[in-house]
Amino acid sequence: MKILLAVDGSEYTQKMLDYVSRNKALFDASHQYVLLHVHAPLPPHAASVVGSAATHDYYEDESRKVLEPALSALQGGGLTATSEWKHGRVGNTIGEYADQGGFDLLIMGSHGHGGLARLVMGSVANEVLAHCKTPVLLVR
């Protein structure tokens, strides 16, 4: 099975990684794991001022800060993964990547906001669920 793990470096990501690492009956080394970090885009004016090379380096550096600990957490659980990073609207980008990459399952942590908080603040998980055809497992 090809499994995409969406990571953002939050405590919810850590809970999701712990869940995957602990549940050997569901998630073992026979699966292919890919970690994905999506960075929200810089404001266009800021990106144009610093230039495309600096913007790319910023996205890459910030993504590395999220991906390296996540890779280590999985390795601690006996799993190996590759990693990717993108930038864009986070929910849409995760959903598109999952669909276009032919993943069998997308796993991500969820903050678990209630209805009013979700209405006011939005939710990456809701955006993914609305736009993604790949099955999604939310870990809270």
C-alpha atoms as a PDB file:
ATOM      1  CA  MET A   1       0.000   0.000   0.000  1.00  0.00           C
ATOM      2  CA  LYS A   2       1.230   3.490  -0.839  1.00  0.00           C
ATOM      3  CA  ILE A   3       0.594   5.804   2.136  1.00  0.00           C
ATOM      4  CA  LEU A   4       0.959   9.582   2.270  1.00  0.00           C
ATOM      5  CA  LEU A   5       1.571  11.166   5.673  1.00  0.00           C
ATOM      6  CA  ALA A   6       0.855  14.910   5.720  1.00  0.00           C
ATOM      7  CA  VAL A   7       3.023  16.596   8.351  1.00  0.00           C
ATOM      8  CA  ASP A   8       3.173  20.142   9.684  1.00  0.00           C
ATOM      9  CA  GLY A   9       5.417  19.809  12.739  1.00  0.00           C
ATOM     10  CA  SER A  10       2.596  20.289  15.236  1.00  0.00           C
ATOM     11  CA  GLU A  11       1.734  18.139  18.243  1.00  0.00           C
ATOM     12  CA  TYR A  12      -1.061  16.688  16.084  1.00  0.00           C
ATOM     13  CA  THR A  13       1.493  15.511  13.557  1.00  0.00           C
ATOM     14  CA  GLN A  14       3.443  13.858  16.362  1.00  0.00           C
ATOM     15  CA  LYS A  15       0.302  12.085  17.596  1.00  0.00           C
ATOM     16  CA  MET A  16      -0.335  10.833  14.068  1.00  0.00           C
ATOM     17  CA  LEU A  17       3.253   9.594  13.677  1.00  0.00           C
ATOM     18  CA  ASP A  18       3.049   7.860  17.070  1.00  0.00           C
ATOM     19  CA  TYR A  19      -0.221   6.201  16.010  1.00  0.00           C
ATOM     20  CA  VAL A  20       1.291   4.910  12.779  1.00  0.00           C
ATOM     21  CA  SER A  21       4.496   3.712  14.477  1.00  0.00           C
ATOM     22  CA  ARG A  22       2.640   1.916  17.296  1.00  0.00           C
ATOM     23  CA  ASN A  23       0.036   0.137  15.155  1.00  0.00           C
ATOM     24  CA  LYS A  24       2.181  -2.545  13.555  1.00  0.00           C
ATOM     25  CA  ALA A  25      -0.863  -4.623  12.627  1.00  0.00           C
ATOM     26  CA  LEU A  26      -1.994  -1.848  10.277  1.00  0.00           C
ATOM     27  CA  PHE A  27       1.231  -0.087   9.370  1.00  0.00           C
ATOM     28  CA  ASP A  28       4.291  -2.214   8.827  1.00  0.00           C
ATOM     29  CA  ALA A  29       7.429  -2.021   6.739  1.00  0.00           C
ATOM     30  CA  SER A  30       5.735  -3.651   3.743  1.00  0.00           C
ATOM     31  CA  HIS A  31       4.021  -0.355   2.890  1.00  0.00           C
ATOM     32  CA  GLN A  32       5.537   2.553   1.008  1.00  0.00           C
ATOM     33  CA  TYR A  33       5.446   5.753   3.092  1.00  0.00           C
ATOM     34  CA  VAL A  34       5.878   9.312   1.846  1.00  0.00           C
ATOM     35  CA  LEU A  35       5.954  12.312   4.178  1.00  0.00           C
ATOM     36  CA  LEU A  36       4.629  15.552   2.715  1.00  0.00           C
ATOM     37  CA  HIS A  37       5.008  19.027   4.163  1.00  0.00           C
ATOM     38  CA  VAL A  38       3.140  21.864   2.474  1.00  0.00           C
ATOM     39  CA  HIS A  39       4.177  25.406   3.290  1.00  0.00           C
ATOM     40  CA  ALA A  40       1.637  28.180   2.870  1.00  0.00           C
ATOM     41  CA  PRO A  41       2.822  30.614   0.180  1.00  0.00           C
ATOM     42  CA  LEU A  42       4.587  33.817   1.100  1.00  0.00           C
ATOM     43  CA  PRO A  43       2.634  36.960   0.304  1.00  0.00           C
ATOM     44  CA  PRO A  44       3.296  37.804  -3.364  1.00  0.00           C
ATOM     45  CA  HIS A  45       4.909  41.145  -2.544  1.00  0.00           C
ATOM     46  CA  ALA A  46       7.350  39.562  -0.094  1.00  0.00           C
ATOM     47  CA  ALA A  47       8.217  36.791  -2.527  1.00  0.00           C
ATOM     48  CA  SER A  48       8.881  39.292  -5.323  1.00  0.00           C
ATOM     49  CA  VAL A  49      11.125  41.419  -3.097  1.00  0.00           C
ATOM     50  CA  VAL A  50      13.383  38.565  -1.970  1.00  0.00           C
ATOM     51  CA  GLY A  51      13.383  36.771  -5.311  1.00  0.00           C
ATOM     52  CA  SER A  52      12.577  33.260  -6.429  1.00  0.00           C
ATOM     53  CA  ALA A  53      15.848  31.651  -5.302  1.00  0.00           C
ATOM     54  CA  ALA A  54      15.564  33.028  -1.755  1.00  0.00           C
ATOM     55  CA  THR A  55      11.882  32.080  -1.634  1.00  0.00           C
ATOM     56  CA  HIS A  56      12.695  28.519  -2.736  1.00  0.00           C
ATOM     57  CA  ASP A  57      15.468  28.274  -0.128  1.00  0.00           C
ATOM     58  CA  TYR A  58      13.091  29.531   2.568  1.00  0.00           C
ATOM     59  CA  TYR A  59      10.438  26.937   1.704  1.00  0.00           C
ATOM     60  CA  GLU A  60      13.059  24.191   1.589  1.00  0.00           C
ATOM     61  CA  ASP A  61      14.649  25.180   4.929  1.00  0.00           C
ATOM     62  CA  GLU A  62      11.311  25.458   6.719  1.00  0.00           C
ATOM     63  CA  SER A  63      10.150  22.144   5.288  1.00  0.00           C
ATOM     64  CA  ARG A  64      13.363  20.430   6.354  1.00  0.00           C
ATOM     65  CA  LYS A  65      12.690  21.560   9.950  1.00  0.00           C
ATOM     66  CA  VAL A  66       9.395  19.651   9.818  1.00  0.00           C
ATOM     67  CA  LEU A  67      10.402  16.654   7.712  1.00  0.00           C
ATOM     68  CA  GLU A  68      13.631  15.595   9.434  1.00  0.00           C
ATOM     69  CA  PRO A  69      12.070  15.027  12.891  1.00  0.00           C
ATOM     70  CA  ALA A  70       9.105  13.265  11.261  1.00  0.00           C
ATOM     71  CA  LEU A  71      11.427  10.935   9.355  1.00  0.00           C
ATOM     72  CA  SER A  72      13.304  10.212  12.593  1.00  0.00           C
ATOM     73  CA  ALA A  73      10.054   9.462  14.421  1.00  0.00           C
ATOM     74  CA  LEU A  74       9.053   6.914  11.789  1.00  0.00           C
ATOM     75  CA  GLN A  75      12.507   5.353  11.764  1.00  0.00           C
ATOM     76  CA  GLY A  76      12.265   5.013  15.544  1.00  0.00           C
ATOM     77  CA  GLY A  77       9.152   2.927  14.925  1.00  0.00           C
ATOM     78  CA  GLY A  78      10.951   0.724  12.405  1.00  0.00           C
ATOM     79  CA  LEU A  79       9.450   2.366   9.302  1.00  0.00           C
ATOM     80  CA  THR A  80      11.211   4.087   6.443  1.00  0.00           C
ATOM     81  CA  ALA A  81       9.832   6.878   4.298  1.00  0.00           C
ATOM     82  CA  THR A  82      10.759   9.334   1.632  1.00  0.00           C
ATOM     83  CA  SER A  83       9.860  12.990   1.960  1.00  0.00           C
ATOM     84  CA  GLU A  84       8.581  15.755  -0.271  1.00  0.00           C
ATOM     85  CA  TRP A  85       7.695  19.382   0.213  1.00  0.00           C
ATOM     86  CA  LYS A  86       5.477  21.756  -1.688  1.00  0.00           C
ATOM     87  CA  HIS A  87       4.120  25.237  -1.226  1.00  0.00           C
ATOM     88  CA  GLY A  88       0.627  26.490  -1.909  1.00  0.00           C
ATOM     89  CA  ARG A  89      -2.823  26.375  -0.365  1.00  0.00           C
ATOM     90  CA  VAL A  90      -2.188  23.672   2.177  1.00  0.00           C
ATOM     91  CA  GLY A  91      -5.426  21.655   2.002  1.00  0.00           C
ATOM     92  CA  ASN A  92      -5.713  21.809  -1.776  1.00  0.00           C
ATOM     93  CA  THR A  93      -2.049  20.966  -2.298  1.00  0.00           C
ATOM     94  CA  ILE A  94      -2.189  17.938   0.017  1.00  0.00           C
ATOM     95  CA  GLY A  95      -5.335  16.645  -1.692  1.00  0.00           C
ATOM     96  CA  GLU A  96      -3.962  17.143  -5.199  1.00  0.00           C
ATOM     97  CA  TYR A  97      -0.651  15.510  -4.301  1.00  0.00           C
ATOM     98  CA  ALA A  98      -2.442  12.486  -2.829  1.00  0.00           C
ATOM     99  CA  ASP A  99      -4.693  12.092  -5.860  1.00  0.00           C
ATOM    100  CA  GLN A 100      -2.010  12.666  -8.490  1.00  0.00           C
ATOM    101  CA  GLY A 101       0.522  10.468  -6.683  1.00  0.00           C
ATOM    102  CA  GLY A 102      -1.716   7.421  -6.761  1.00  0.00           C
ATOM    103  CA  PHE A 103      -1.753   7.000  -2.987  1.00  0.00           C
ATOM    104  CA  ASP A 104      -3.981   4.364  -1.418  1.00  0.00           C
ATOM    105  CA  LEU A 105      -4.330   6.263   1.859  1.00  0.00           C
ATOM    106  CA  LEU A 106      -3.638   9.737   3.234  1.00  0.00           C
ATOM    107  CA  ILE A 107      -3.040  10.031   6.975  1.00  0.00           C
ATOM    108  CA  MET A 108      -2.915  13.331   8.806  1.00  0.00           C
ATOM    109  CA  GLY A 109      -3.322  14.715  12.286  1.00  0.00           C
ATOM    110  CA  SER A 110      -6.328  16.851  13.078  1.00  0.00           C
ATOM    111  CA  HIS A 111      -6.697  19.617  15.609  1.00  0.00           C
ATOM    112  CA  GLY A 112     -10.269  18.485  16.173  1.00  0.00           C
ATOM    113  CA  HIS A 113     -11.873  21.933  16.305  1.00  0.00           C
ATOM    114  CA  GLY A 114     -15.596  22.070  16.933  1.00  0.00           C
ATOM    115  CA  GLY A 115     -18.096  23.349  14.383  1.00  0.00           C
ATOM    116  CA  LEU A 116     -17.910  27.049  15.319  1.00  0.00           C
ATOM    117  CA  ALA A 117     -14.104  27.149  15.451  1.00  0.00           C
ATOM    118  CA  ARG A 118     -13.946  25.355  12.109  1.00  0.00           C
ATOM    119  CA  LEU A 119     -16.420  27.838  10.608  1.00  0.00           C
ATOM    120  CA  VAL A 120     -14.422  30.838  11.814  1.00  0.00           C
ATOM    121  CA  MET A 121     -10.866  29.543  11.331  1.00  0.00           C
ATOM    122  CA  GLY A 122     -11.286  27.042   8.536  1.00  0.00           C
ATOM    123  CA  SER A 123      -9.660  23.650   8.607  1.00  0.00           C
ATOM    124  CA  VAL A 124      -6.939  22.075   6.522  1.00  0.00           C
ATOM    125  CA  ALA A 125      -8.501  18.682   7.214  1.00  0.00           C
ATOM    126  CA  ASN A 126     -11.893  19.888   5.947  1.00  0.00           C
ATOM    127  CA  GLU A 127     -10.301  21.321   2.834  1.00  0.00           C
ATOM    128  CA  VAL A 128      -8.495  18.037   2.174  1.00  0.00           C
ATOM    129  CA  LEU A 129     -11.677  16.029   2.699  1.00  0.00           C
ATOM    130  CA  ALA A 130     -13.598  18.314   0.349  1.00  0.00           C
ATOM    131  CA  HIS A 131     -11.092  18.109  -2.501  1.00  0.00           C
ATOM    132  CA  CYS A 132      -9.369  14.728  -2.172  1.00  0.00           C
ATOM    133  CA  LYS A 133     -10.516  11.478  -3.754  1.00  0.00           C
ATOM    134  CA  THR A 134      -7.926   9.425  -1.823  1.00  0.00           C
ATOM    135  CA  PRO A 135      -9.225   7.816   1.398  1.00  0.00           C
ATOM    136  CA  VAL A 136      -8.209   9.921   4.414  1.00  0.00           C
ATOM    137  CA  LEU A 137      -7.487   8.763   7.960  1.00  0.00           C
ATOM    138  CA  LEU A 138      -7.565  11.607  10.500  1.00  0.00           C
ATOM    139  CA  VAL A 139      -5.759  11.012  13.784  1.00  0.00           C
ATOM    140  CA  ARG A 140      -6.757  13.185  16.689  1.00  0.00           C
END
